[in-house]
Amino acid sequence: MKKVVILGGGIAGVEAAIYCRKAGFAVELVSERDYLFVYPIAIWIPVSTLPFEKALLPLSRLAQKHGFTLTIDQVRAISSAQKQFTLEKAGVRHEEIVIIALGAGKMKPQGVEHTLSICGDPEQSLLLKEKIDSLIAQGYGKINFGFGGNPKDMSAVRGGPGFELFFNLHHRLKRLGIREKYEMTFFAPMAEPGGRMGAKALSMLRTMFESNRFHTRYGKKIKQFESEKIIFEDDTVLESDLTMFIPAGSGHPFILESDLPKNGAGFIRIDSTCQIEGVEAWYAIGDAAALEGPEWKAKQGHIAEVMARHAAHNLAVTYLGREGNKQTYHEHLSIICLMDMGEGAGFIYRDHTKAFFIPIPFIGHGMKQLWGHYYKLSKKGIIPRIPGL
């Protein structure tokens, strides 16, 4: 039986493991963590709506259910020329068929260690919770949320979770009757953060910010972070008791050091079928890969899963004789977001031909919670997966 080795146990890697097994391959998943962290629902951990453990899926359980082998180890080096990678514990491995789903590295503006990120290491969600609880106990404070950009690859910008956590924190403070005691500011280096979602979604954000008396600091690059302040390129200062910052993505450190073909931001160059350029039988998916497409393209979980399923199909066509043509990810590029706002949500969609925003008051928050339950149950194989979700 042909074997596929998948490097990375995140959303893309797990989906690739499941679908490569369905295609008929023997599969080994290599992950540095023994769980899948469900980032889309982690926005509720800092505001005490979701316990940390409810955002975890044990990889051992998924491996048992779907029939793949699990190796807990960390990738330390990759050589495409020699078709090998090095693991911290297991050492050098030579493999014919590999799918790289290691995710991305992070841009590191000066002083970033003074910030916490909802898109960083899972444990940072708990540190955010501790900081928020401390500020609530204090009874007042200056709260600043934001995200950064990568001019070499704008698809690596991830601002949605920042907006969602910002809205959910506002909602919690309002429920506690203390919202007026906190100054809440959102910052970003671009003039219109969220603009990739389309004009209607951007208009909705502006309306919400105005109606909830949020402050903004847009269009100014970040010079540095300090323990209680943010300093911008024009030397203006934003005092801060809590800084939540999502750095833009960049190439994973071990990918940057490898001989893999990379774009200017350090992401792996792939063709439209997700095969790495010039490296037969090696694929890259999810945040590790360089996306090609329209200017508004964005790296999102559903795109990572599309790439994972296509990689599994295309490998099956090549090595297992599956009928059909190879599949490409380009036509599936879209932005899909059920943006949770604590009291409701908004459904945002954009593709090559249309962009729209649908407000979902009251029940929208519950819908996002239901999606979280659906995601976990479908990955466990308890309920069937609904195509497109």
Protein backbone atom coordinates (compact mmCIF):
# COMPACT_ATOMS: atom_id res chain seq x y z
CA MET A 1 0.00 0.00 0.00
CA LYS A 2 1.34 3.43 -0.97
CA LYS A 3 2.09 5.64 2.02
CA VAL A 4 1.59 9.39 2.48
CA VAL A 5 3.36 11.26 5.26
CA ILE A 6 1.68 14.49 6.37
CA LEU A 7 3.71 17.07 8.26
CA GLY A 8 1.48 19.16 10.50
CA GLY A 9 -1.54 18.34 12.67
CA GLY A 10 -3.62 21.47 12.16
CA ILE A 11 -6.82 21.94 10.18
CA ALA A 12 -5.13 21.29 6.81
CA GLY A 13 -3.07 18.32 7.98
CA VAL A 14 -5.96 16.53 9.68
CA GLU A 15 -8.21 16.96 6.64
CA ALA A 16 -5.44 15.61 4.40
CA ALA A 17 -4.98 12.59 6.69
CA ILE A 18 -8.70 11.79 6.63
CA TYR A 19 -9.04 12.09 2.85
CA CYS A 20 -5.80 10.31 1.99
CA ARG A 21 -7.05 7.38 4.06
CA LYS A 22 -10.41 7.52 2.26
CA ALA A 23 -8.53 7.44 -1.03
CA GLY A 24 -6.77 4.22 -0.05
CA PHE A 25 -3.34 5.35 1.13
CA ALA A 26 -1.56 4.33 4.30
CA VAL A 27 -1.15 7.60 6.20
CA GLU A 28 1.21 8.86 8.88
CA LEU A 29 0.43 12.21 10.46
CA VAL A 30 3.34 13.98 12.17
CA SER A 31 2.34 16.67 14.67
CA GLU A 32 4.21 18.57 17.37
CA ARG A 33 1.02 18.64 19.47
CA ASP A 34 -1.17 15.69 20.43
CA TYR A 35 -4.34 17.65 19.71
CA LEU A 36 -5.99 19.68 16.97
CA PHE A 37 -6.73 23.19 18.22
CA VAL A 38 -9.96 24.50 16.67
CA TYR A 39 -8.91 28.12 16.18
CA PRO A 40 -12.26 29.41 14.79
CA ILE A 41 -13.97 28.82 18.15
CA ALA A 42 -10.99 29.83 20.33
CA ILE A 43 -12.32 33.43 20.25
CA TRP A 44 -14.59 32.47 23.17
CA ILE A 45 -11.87 31.20 25.50
CA PRO A 46 -10.61 34.66 26.60
CA VAL A 47 -14.15 35.89 27.38
CA SER A 48 -15.00 32.77 29.45
CA THR A 49 -17.66 31.51 27.04
CA LEU A 50 -15.75 28.34 26.12
CA PRO A 51 -13.44 26.24 28.31
CA PHE A 52 -10.01 25.71 26.77
CA GLU A 53 -10.41 21.92 26.58
CA LYS A 54 -13.56 22.31 24.46
CA ALA A 55 -11.44 23.76 21.64
CA LEU A 56 -9.24 20.65 21.52
CA LEU A 57 -9.62 17.45 19.51
CA PRO A 58 -7.26 14.64 20.58
CA LEU A 59 -5.36 13.47 17.51
CA SER A 60 -5.14 9.93 18.90
CA ARG A 61 -8.92 9.69 18.76
CA LEU A 62 -9.01 10.98 15.19
CA ALA A 63 -6.23 8.56 14.21
CA GLN A 64 -8.12 5.63 15.67
CA LYS A 65 -11.39 6.64 14.00
CA HIS A 66 -9.95 7.29 10.53
CA GLY A 67 -7.19 4.69 10.50
CA PHE A 68 -4.04 6.75 10.19
CA THR A 69 -0.83 6.51 12.21
CA LEU A 70 0.07 9.36 14.56
CA THR A 71 3.63 10.46 15.35
CA ILE A 72 4.16 13.19 17.95
CA ASP A 73 7.39 14.86 16.91
CA GLN A 74 8.66 18.18 15.60
CA VAL A 75 10.05 18.88 12.13
CA ARG A 76 13.55 20.34 12.34
CA ALA A 77 14.70 20.41 8.70
CA ILE A 78 13.44 19.69 5.19
CA SER A 79 15.35 18.88 2.00
CA SER A 80 13.33 18.64 -1.19
CA ALA A 81 16.41 17.77 -3.25
CA GLN A 82 17.00 14.65 -1.17
CA LYS A 83 13.27 14.03 -0.54
CA GLN A 84 13.85 13.91 3.20
CA PHE A 85 12.96 15.68 6.42
CA THR A 86 14.44 15.56 9.91
CA LEU A 87 12.39 15.06 13.08
CA GLU A 88 13.60 16.10 16.52
CA LYS A 89 13.14 12.63 18.04
CA ALA A 90 13.11 10.25 15.09
CA GLY A 91 15.90 11.85 13.05
CA VAL A 92 16.17 11.79 9.24
CA ARG A 93 13.31 10.32 7.22
CA HIS A 94 13.25 9.64 3.47
CA GLU A 95 9.71 9.58 2.05
CA GLU A 96 8.41 9.41 -1.50
CA ILE A 97 5.04 11.08 -0.93
CA VAL A 98 4.77 14.00 1.50
CA ILE A 99 2.16 16.67 2.21
CA ILE A 100 3.52 19.71 4.05
CA ALA A 101 0.89 21.34 6.27
CA LEU A 102 3.14 22.99 8.87
CA GLY A 103 1.30 26.29 8.89
CA ALA A 104 3.06 29.65 8.84
CA GLY A 105 5.56 31.56 10.87
CA LYS A 106 4.81 35.03 12.20
CA MET A 107 6.12 38.49 11.42
CA LYS A 108 7.87 39.87 14.50
CA PRO A 109 7.60 43.61 14.95
CA GLN A 110 9.78 45.08 17.68
CA GLY A 111 8.42 44.36 21.14
CA VAL A 112 5.84 41.83 19.98
CA GLU A 113 6.54 39.87 23.17
CA HIS A 114 4.50 42.52 24.99
CA THR A 115 1.38 41.42 23.10
CA LEU A 116 -0.90 38.38 23.16
CA SER A 117 -2.52 36.82 20.09
CA ILE A 118 -5.75 34.89 19.62
CA CYS A 119 -4.08 33.28 16.57
CA GLY A 120 -0.84 32.34 18.31
CA ASP A 121 0.07 29.32 20.42
CA PRO A 122 -3.11 27.84 21.95
CA GLU A 123 -1.94 28.70 25.47
CA GLN A 124 -2.09 32.40 24.60
CA SER A 125 -5.89 32.19 24.65
CA LEU A 126 -5.64 31.34 28.36
CA LEU A 127 -3.20 34.19 28.98
CA LEU A 128 -5.68 36.53 27.29
CA LYS A 129 -8.40 35.21 29.58
CA GLU A 130 -6.24 35.88 32.65
CA LYS A 131 -5.48 39.41 31.46
CA ILE A 132 -9.12 40.17 30.68
CA ASP A 133 -10.27 38.79 34.04
CA SER A 134 -7.65 40.97 35.75
CA LEU A 135 -8.85 44.08 33.92
CA ILE A 136 -12.45 43.32 34.84
CA ALA A 137 -11.43 42.97 38.48
CA GLN A 138 -9.59 46.31 38.16
CA GLY A 139 -12.76 47.93 36.87
CA TYR A 140 -11.29 50.10 34.13
CA GLY A 141 -8.65 50.04 31.42
CA LYS A 142 -7.45 50.77 27.91
CA ILE A 143 -7.90 47.82 25.56
CA ASN A 144 -6.27 47.73 22.12
CA PHE A 145 -6.78 45.02 19.52
CA GLY A 146 -5.16 44.90 16.11
CA PHE A 147 -3.36 42.97 13.41
CA GLY A 148 -0.39 43.47 11.13
CA GLY A 149 0.30 43.17 7.43
CA ASN A 150 2.87 41.46 5.25
CA PRO A 151 3.51 43.59 2.13
CA LYS A 152 5.14 40.61 0.43
CA ASP A 153 1.98 38.48 0.66
CA MET A 154 -1.30 40.08 1.74
CA SER A 155 -3.09 36.71 1.77
CA ALA A 156 -1.22 36.01 5.04
CA VAL A 157 -3.10 38.75 6.93
CA ARG A 158 -5.61 37.35 9.43
CA GLY A 159 -7.84 39.98 11.02
CA GLY A 160 -11.23 38.28 11.35
CA PRO A 161 -10.58 36.57 14.71
CA GLY A 162 -9.37 39.90 16.09
CA PHE A 163 -12.65 41.59 15.18
CA GLU A 164 -14.64 38.68 16.61
CA LEU A 165 -12.84 38.67 19.96
CA PHE A 166 -13.09 42.48 20.09
CA PHE A 167 -16.88 42.32 19.65
CA ASN A 168 -17.24 39.47 22.14
CA LEU A 169 -15.23 41.32 24.78
CA HIS A 170 -17.36 44.42 24.23
CA HIS A 171 -20.47 42.26 24.68
CA ARG A 172 -19.15 40.76 27.92
CA LEU A 173 -18.28 44.14 29.39
CA LYS A 174 -21.70 45.43 28.42
CA ARG A 175 -23.41 42.47 30.11
CA LEU A 176 -21.44 43.21 33.26
CA GLY A 177 -22.58 46.85 33.10
CA ILE A 178 -19.03 48.22 33.00
CA ARG A 179 -18.41 48.84 29.29
CA GLU A 180 -18.19 52.63 29.77
CA LYS A 181 -15.18 52.11 32.07
CA TYR A 182 -13.03 50.81 29.21
CA GLU A 183 -11.56 52.59 26.20
CA MET A 184 -11.53 50.12 23.29
CA THR A 185 -9.42 50.80 20.20
CA PHE A 186 -8.77 48.74 17.08
CA PHE A 187 -5.54 49.37 15.15
CA ALA A 188 -4.06 48.19 11.85
CA PRO A 189 -1.45 49.50 9.39
CA MET A 190 -3.80 49.43 6.42
CA ALA A 191 -6.23 52.26 5.69
CA GLU A 192 -9.27 49.95 5.54
CA PRO A 193 -8.76 46.78 7.57
CA GLY A 194 -11.31 44.21 6.52
CA GLY A 195 -11.53 45.65 3.01
CA ARG A 196 -10.91 42.25 1.38
CA MET A 197 -14.30 41.10 2.66
CA GLY A 198 -16.06 43.48 0.30
CA ALA A 199 -17.77 46.88 0.46
CA LYS A 200 -20.89 45.72 2.31
CA ALA A 201 -18.97 43.96 5.06
CA LEU A 202 -16.65 46.95 5.41
CA SER A 203 -19.65 49.29 5.71
CA MET A 204 -21.10 47.04 8.42
CA LEU A 205 -17.87 47.20 10.41
CA ARG A 206 -17.82 50.98 10.22
CA THR A 207 -21.42 51.17 11.43
CA MET A 208 -20.76 48.83 14.35
CA PHE A 209 -17.65 50.72 15.38
CA GLU A 210 -19.50 54.04 15.35
CA SER A 211 -22.57 52.76 17.20
CA ASN A 212 -20.47 51.10 19.92
CA ARG A 213 -18.10 54.05 20.39
CA PHE A 214 -15.00 52.10 19.40
CA HIS A 215 -11.87 54.07 18.60
CA THR A 216 -9.66 53.28 15.62
CA ARG A 217 -6.03 53.85 14.68
CA TYR A 218 -5.77 52.89 11.00
CA GLY A 219 -3.23 53.53 8.28
CA LYS A 220 -0.18 53.83 10.53
CA LYS A 221 2.58 51.24 10.64
CA ILE A 222 3.59 49.94 14.04
CA LYS A 223 7.04 51.10 15.14
CA GLN A 224 7.18 49.02 18.31
CA PHE A 225 5.24 47.59 21.22
CA GLU A 226 6.10 48.28 24.83
CA SER A 227 4.66 46.83 28.02
CA GLU A 228 1.95 49.49 28.32
CA LYS A 229 1.94 51.29 25.01
CA ILE A 230 1.97 50.99 21.21
CA ILE A 231 4.19 53.37 19.28
CA PHE A 232 3.40 54.06 15.62
CA GLU A 233 5.64 55.17 12.76
CA ASP A 234 4.85 58.86 13.33
CA ASP A 235 5.82 58.44 17.02
CA THR A 236 2.24 58.81 18.22
CA VAL A 237 1.49 56.62 21.22
CA LEU A 238 -1.48 54.48 22.23
CA GLU A 239 -1.52 53.72 25.95
CA SER A 240 -2.51 50.12 26.59
CA ASP A 241 -3.46 47.91 29.53
CA LEU A 242 -4.09 45.00 27.15
CA THR A 243 -2.70 44.61 23.64
CA MET A 244 -4.07 41.76 21.54
CA PHE A 245 -2.13 41.65 18.27
CA ILE A 246 -2.29 39.15 15.40
CA PRO A 247 0.98 39.31 13.44
CA ALA A 248 0.80 38.67 9.71
CA GLY A 249 2.01 35.29 8.56
CA SER A 250 5.38 34.59 7.01
CA GLY A 251 7.23 31.44 6.01
CA HIS A 252 7.54 28.71 8.63
CA PRO A 253 11.07 28.86 10.12
CA PHE A 254 12.09 25.41 8.88
CA ILE A 255 10.63 26.11 5.46
CA LEU A 256 12.61 29.37 5.26
CA GLU A 257 15.79 27.40 5.98
CA SER A 258 14.98 24.68 3.44
CA ASP A 259 15.66 24.37 -0.29
CA LEU A 260 11.94 24.33 -1.06
CA PRO A 261 10.81 26.85 -3.72
CA LYS A 262 9.40 29.89 -1.94
CA ASN A 263 7.73 33.21 -2.74
CA GLY A 264 9.00 36.50 -1.35
CA ALA A 265 7.21 35.99 1.97
CA GLY A 266 8.66 32.50 2.45
CA PHE A 267 5.61 30.42 1.56
CA ILE A 268 6.06 27.25 -0.54
CA ARG A 269 5.40 27.71 -4.23
CA ILE A 270 2.87 25.19 -5.55
CA ASP A 271 1.07 24.64 -8.82
CA SER A 272 -2.72 24.76 -9.08
CA THR A 273 -2.99 21.10 -7.99
CA CYS A 274 -1.07 21.88 -4.75
CA GLN A 275 2.06 20.00 -5.85
CA ILE A 276 5.26 21.78 -4.87
CA GLU A 277 6.93 23.30 -7.90
CA GLY A 278 9.68 21.00 -9.19
CA VAL A 279 9.25 18.38 -6.42
CA GLU A 280 7.42 15.29 -7.64
CA ALA A 281 4.93 13.72 -5.20
CA TRP A 282 5.43 16.42 -2.56
CA TYR A 283 2.51 18.74 -1.88
CA ALA A 284 1.97 21.83 0.29
CA ILE A 285 -1.39 22.96 1.63
CA GLY A 286 -2.91 25.50 4.00
CA ASP A 287 -0.94 28.37 5.48
CA ALA A 288 2.40 26.83 4.46
CA ALA A 289 1.59 27.29 0.77
CA ALA A 290 1.74 30.40 -1.41
CA LEU A 291 -1.69 31.14 -2.85
CA GLU A 292 -2.10 32.48 -6.36
CA GLY A 293 -5.26 34.34 -7.26
CA PRO A 294 -7.16 37.62 -6.96
CA GLU A 295 -5.90 40.48 -4.82
CA TRP A 296 -8.52 39.81 -2.13
CA LYS A 297 -7.52 36.15 -1.62
CA ALA A 298 -7.09 35.08 1.99
CA LYS A 299 -5.78 32.06 3.85
CA GLN A 300 -8.74 30.59 5.69
CA GLY A 301 -9.57 27.21 7.19
CA HIS A 302 -12.03 26.23 4.46
CA ILE A 303 -9.42 26.94 1.77
CA ALA A 304 -6.91 24.80 3.67
CA GLU A 305 -9.43 21.94 3.71
CA VAL A 306 -10.18 22.33 -0.01
CA MET A 307 -6.46 22.11 -0.72
CA ALA A 308 -6.16 19.04 1.52
CA ARG A 309 -8.97 17.19 -0.26
CA HIS A 310 -7.59 18.12 -3.68
CA ALA A 311 -4.10 16.96 -2.72
CA ALA A 312 -5.53 13.60 -1.61
CA HIS A 313 -7.54 13.25 -4.84
CA ASN A 314 -4.62 14.24 -7.07
CA LEU A 315 -2.27 11.81 -5.37
CA ALA A 316 -4.87 9.07 -5.82
CA VAL A 317 -5.14 9.88 -9.54
CA THR A 318 -1.37 9.61 -9.92
CA TYR A 319 -0.54 6.67 -7.66
CA LEU A 320 -3.72 4.66 -7.17
CA GLY A 321 -5.27 4.90 -10.62
CA ARG A 322 -8.32 6.87 -9.52
CA GLU A 323 -10.44 7.96 -12.47
CA GLY A 324 -10.90 11.63 -13.25
CA ASN A 325 -8.82 14.71 -13.79
CA LYS A 326 -6.63 16.37 -11.25
CA GLN A 327 -8.37 19.07 -9.25
CA THR A 328 -7.22 22.65 -8.76
CA TYR A 329 -7.87 25.01 -5.87
CA HIS A 330 -8.09 28.25 -7.87
CA GLU A 331 -11.80 28.07 -8.69
CA HIS A 332 -12.59 27.48 -5.02
CA LEU A 333 -10.90 30.63 -3.73
CA SER A 334 -13.39 32.56 -1.63
CA ILE A 335 -13.80 34.35 1.66
CA ILE A 336 -16.36 32.76 3.97
CA CYS A 337 -16.84 34.03 7.48
CA LEU A 338 -19.61 33.78 10.04
CA MET A 339 -18.32 36.70 12.08
CA ASP A 340 -19.49 36.28 15.65
CA MET A 341 -20.33 39.47 17.53
CA GLY A 342 -21.45 38.10 20.87
CA GLU A 343 -25.07 39.18 20.47
CA GLY A 344 -25.41 38.03 16.88
CA ALA A 345 -23.28 37.48 13.81
CA GLY A 346 -22.82 38.46 10.20
CA PHE A 347 -22.33 36.09 7.29
CA ILE A 348 -19.66 37.34 4.89
CA TYR A 349 -19.03 35.82 1.47
CA ARG A 350 -16.85 36.81 -1.46
CA ASP A 351 -15.69 34.98 -4.55
CA HIS A 352 -14.66 35.79 -8.12
CA THR A 353 -18.10 37.14 -9.06
CA LYS A 354 -19.87 38.44 -5.94
CA ALA A 355 -19.48 39.77 -2.43
CA PHE A 356 -22.22 40.14 0.17
CA PHE A 357 -22.93 40.51 3.86
CA ILE A 358 -26.00 39.14 5.66
CA PRO A 359 -26.65 40.31 9.22
CA ILE A 360 -27.89 37.55 11.55
CA PRO A 361 -29.01 39.25 14.78
CA PHE A 362 -29.76 37.27 17.96
CA ILE A 363 -29.41 33.74 16.55
CA GLY A 364 -26.09 34.34 14.75
CA HIS A 365 -24.01 33.69 17.86
CA GLY A 366 -25.81 30.37 18.40
CA MET A 367 -25.25 29.43 14.77
CA LYS A 368 -21.49 29.88 15.17
CA GLN A 369 -21.59 27.76 18.33
CA LEU A 370 -23.50 25.06 16.44
CA TRP A 371 -20.86 25.14 13.70
CA GLY A 372 -18.20 24.49 16.36
CA HIS A 373 -20.09 21.43 17.59
CA TYR A 374 -20.64 20.25 14.01
CA TYR A 375 -16.95 20.64 13.15
CA LYS A 376 -15.80 18.56 16.09
CA LEU A 377 -18.46 15.87 15.70
CA SER A 378 -17.88 15.52 11.95
CA LYS A 379 -14.12 15.20 12.42
CA LYS A 380 -14.75 12.49 15.02
CA GLY A 381 -16.97 10.69 12.50
CA ILE A 382 -19.99 10.87 14.78
CA ILE A 383 -22.05 12.79 12.22
CA PRO A 384 -21.51 12.99 8.43
CA ARG A 385 -19.70 15.91 6.94
CA ILE A 386 -21.92 18.37 5.04
CA PRO A 387 -20.27 19.36 1.73
CA GLY A 388 -19.14 22.96 1.83
CA LEU A 389 -19.11 23.26 5.63
